């Protein structure tokens, strides 16, 4: 097979595998640059929070979210519309 000329190499389209590898390389570079805090190990989590404490925390915040939702439904149309707009904007 004859070697490709430079103009052929410049004009050729990028393949999907090349795009995927480029995206992966960019993602890895972004992760390396980020200054995220270190995640806790399993032992550290066990020490900081008991199983009962986790259940109570999740139950409390779950009930709070349900109560807020029903409160918005009870409040009327305008607040439901605002809830939908907020969810669409922030998600």
C-alpha atoms as a PDB file:
ATOM      1  CA  UNK A   1       0.000   0.000   0.000  1.00  0.00           C
ATOM      2  CA  UNK A   2       1.488   3.384  -0.944  1.00  0.00           C
ATOM      3  CA  UNK A   3       2.103   5.915   1.829  1.00  0.00           C
ATOM      4  CA  UNK A   4      -0.624   8.482   2.278  1.00  0.00           C
ATOM      5  CA  UNK A   5       0.143  12.040   1.395  1.00  0.00           C
ATOM      6  CA  UNK A   6      -0.022  14.777   4.033  1.00  0.00           C
ATOM      7  CA  UNK A   7      -3.063  16.335   2.405  1.00  0.00           C
ATOM      8  CA  UNK A   8      -4.935  13.026   2.640  1.00  0.00           C
ATOM      9  CA  UNK A   9      -4.098  12.750   6.333  1.00  0.00           C
ATOM     10  CA  UNK A  10      -5.223  16.323   6.978  1.00  0.00           C
ATOM     11  CA  UNK A  11      -8.526  15.877   5.179  1.00  0.00           C
ATOM     12  CA  UNK A  12      -9.519  12.512   6.607  1.00  0.00           C
ATOM     13  CA  UNK A  13     -12.332  12.358   9.147  1.00  0.00           C
ATOM     14  CA  UNK A  14     -11.729  11.394  12.758  1.00  0.00           C
ATOM     15  CA  UNK A  15     -13.095   7.967  13.661  1.00  0.00           C
ATOM     16  CA  UNK A  16     -15.343   7.364  16.631  1.00  0.00           C
ATOM     17  CA  UNK A  17     -12.655   5.333  18.414  1.00  0.00           C
ATOM     18  CA  UNK A  18     -10.221   8.236  18.076  1.00  0.00           C
ATOM     19  CA  UNK A  19     -12.830  10.608  19.494  1.00  0.00           C
ATOM     20  CA  UNK A  20     -13.527   8.235  22.399  1.00  0.00           C
ATOM     21  CA  UNK A  21      -9.838   7.889  23.263  1.00  0.00           C
ATOM     22  CA  UNK A  22      -9.410  11.665  23.069  1.00  0.00           C
ATOM     23  CA  UNK A  23     -12.396  12.141  25.431  1.00  0.00           C
ATOM     24  CA  UNK A  24     -10.946   9.577  27.873  1.00  0.00           C
ATOM     25  CA  UNK A  25      -7.583  11.360  27.853  1.00  0.00           C
ATOM     26  CA  UNK A  26      -9.268  14.718  28.521  1.00  0.00           C
ATOM     27  CA  UNK A  27     -11.339  13.205  31.349  1.00  0.00           C
ATOM     28  CA  UNK A  28      -8.217  11.735  32.946  1.00  0.00           C
ATOM     29  CA  UNK A  29      -6.450  15.098  32.730  1.00  0.00           C
ATOM     30  CA  UNK A  30      -9.403  16.855  34.348  1.00  0.00           C
ATOM     31  CA  UNK A  31      -9.465  14.309  37.181  1.00  0.00           C
ATOM     32  CA  UNK A  32      -5.757  14.755  37.788  1.00  0.00           C
ATOM     33  CA  UNK A  33      -6.128  18.548  37.937  1.00  0.00           C
ATOM     34  CA  UNK A  34      -9.098  18.555  40.302  1.00  0.00           C
ATOM     35  CA  UNK A  35      -8.441  19.292  43.926  1.00  0.00           C
ATOM     36  CA  UNK A  36     -11.144  17.045  45.363  1.00  0.00           C
ATOM     37  CA  UNK A  37     -10.979  15.987  48.975  1.00  0.00           C
ATOM     38  CA  UNK A  38      -9.883  12.476  49.798  1.00  0.00           C
ATOM     39  CA  UNK A  39     -12.699   9.964  50.299  1.00  0.00           C
ATOM     40  CA  UNK A  40     -12.976   8.273  53.674  1.00  0.00           C
ATOM     41  CA  UNK A  41     -12.011   4.631  53.952  1.00  0.00           C
ATOM     42  CA  UNK A  42     -14.528   2.070  55.160  1.00  0.00           C
ATOM     43  CA  UNK A  43     -12.931   1.981  58.614  1.00  0.00           C
ATOM     44  CA  UNK A  44     -13.122   5.756  58.939  1.00  0.00           C
ATOM     45  CA  UNK A  45     -16.799   5.731  58.004  1.00  0.00           C
ATOM     46  CA  UNK A  46     -17.542   2.972  60.521  1.00  0.00           C
ATOM     47  CA  UNK A  47     -15.828   4.909  63.250  1.00  0.00           C
ATOM     48  CA  UNK A  48     -17.592   8.165  62.459  1.00  0.00           C
ATOM     49  CA  UNK A  49     -21.124   6.857  62.059  1.00  0.00           C
ATOM     50  CA  UNK A  50     -22.918   3.900  63.592  1.00  0.00           C
ATOM     51  CA  UNK A  51     -25.525   1.906  61.714  1.00  0.00           C
ATOM     52  CA  UNK A  52     -28.342   3.252  63.872  1.00  0.00           C
ATOM     53  CA  UNK A  53     -27.182   6.825  63.268  1.00  0.00           C
ATOM     54  CA  UNK A  54     -27.248   6.237  59.492  1.00  0.00           C
ATOM     55  CA  UNK A  55     -30.803   4.849  59.657  1.00  0.00           C
ATOM     56  CA  UNK A  56     -32.028   7.767  61.756  1.00  0.00           C
ATOM     57  CA  UNK A  57     -30.393  10.324  59.466  1.00  0.00           C
ATOM     58  CA  UNK A  58     -31.822   8.784  56.304  1.00  0.00           C
ATOM     59  CA  UNK A  59     -35.273   8.427  57.856  1.00  0.00           C
ATOM     60  CA  UNK A  60     -35.310  12.039  59.029  1.00  0.00           C
ATOM     61  CA  UNK A  61     -34.231  13.525  55.689  1.00  0.00           C
ATOM     62  CA  UNK A  62     -36.502  11.179  53.726  1.00  0.00           C
ATOM     63  CA  UNK A  63     -39.514  12.254  55.796  1.00  0.00           C
ATOM     64  CA  UNK A  64     -38.475  15.895  55.448  1.00  0.00           C
ATOM     65  CA  UNK A  65     -38.325  15.636  51.634  1.00  0.00           C
ATOM     66  CA  UNK A  66     -41.735  13.926  51.471  1.00  0.00           C
ATOM     67  CA  UNK A  67     -43.235  16.570  53.768  1.00  0.00           C
ATOM     68  CA  UNK A  68     -41.828  19.399  51.630  1.00  0.00           C
ATOM     69  CA  UNK A  69     -43.187  17.754  48.487  1.00  0.00           C
ATOM     70  CA  UNK A  70     -46.680  17.361  49.930  1.00  0.00           C
ATOM     71  CA  UNK A  71     -46.504  20.914  51.258  1.00  0.00           C
ATOM     72  CA  UNK A  72     -45.778  22.197  47.756  1.00  0.00           C
ATOM     73  CA  UNK A  73     -48.649  20.148  46.314  1.00  0.00           C
ATOM     74  CA  UNK A  74     -50.978  21.548  48.985  1.00  0.00           C
ATOM     75  CA  UNK A  75     -49.752  25.120  48.329  1.00  0.00           C
ATOM     76  CA  UNK A  76     -51.189  25.211  44.816  1.00  0.00           C
ATOM     77  CA  UNK A  77     -50.490  25.513  41.130  1.00  0.00           C
ATOM     78  CA  UNK A  78     -47.976  28.338  41.213  1.00  0.00           C
ATOM     79  CA  UNK A  79     -45.663  26.572  43.647  1.00  0.00           C
ATOM     80  CA  UNK A  80     -45.869  23.308  41.706  1.00  0.00           C
ATOM     81  CA  UNK A  81     -44.877  25.191  38.557  1.00  0.00           C
ATOM     82  CA  UNK A  82     -41.961  26.784  40.445  1.00  0.00           C
ATOM     83  CA  UNK A  83     -40.903  23.340  41.726  1.00  0.00           C
ATOM     84  CA  UNK A  84     -40.858  21.947  38.192  1.00  0.00           C
ATOM     85  CA  UNK A  85     -38.860  24.945  36.935  1.00  0.00           C
ATOM     86  CA  UNK A  86     -36.312  24.567  39.747  1.00  0.00           C
ATOM     87  CA  UNK A  87     -35.923  20.847  39.065  1.00  0.00           C
ATOM     88  CA  UNK A  88     -35.440  21.491  35.347  1.00  0.00           C
ATOM     89  CA  UNK A  89     -32.884  24.244  35.925  1.00  0.00           C
ATOM     90  CA  UNK A  90     -30.772  22.427  38.515  1.00  0.00           C
ATOM     91  CA  UNK A  91     -30.783  18.936  37.002  1.00  0.00           C
END
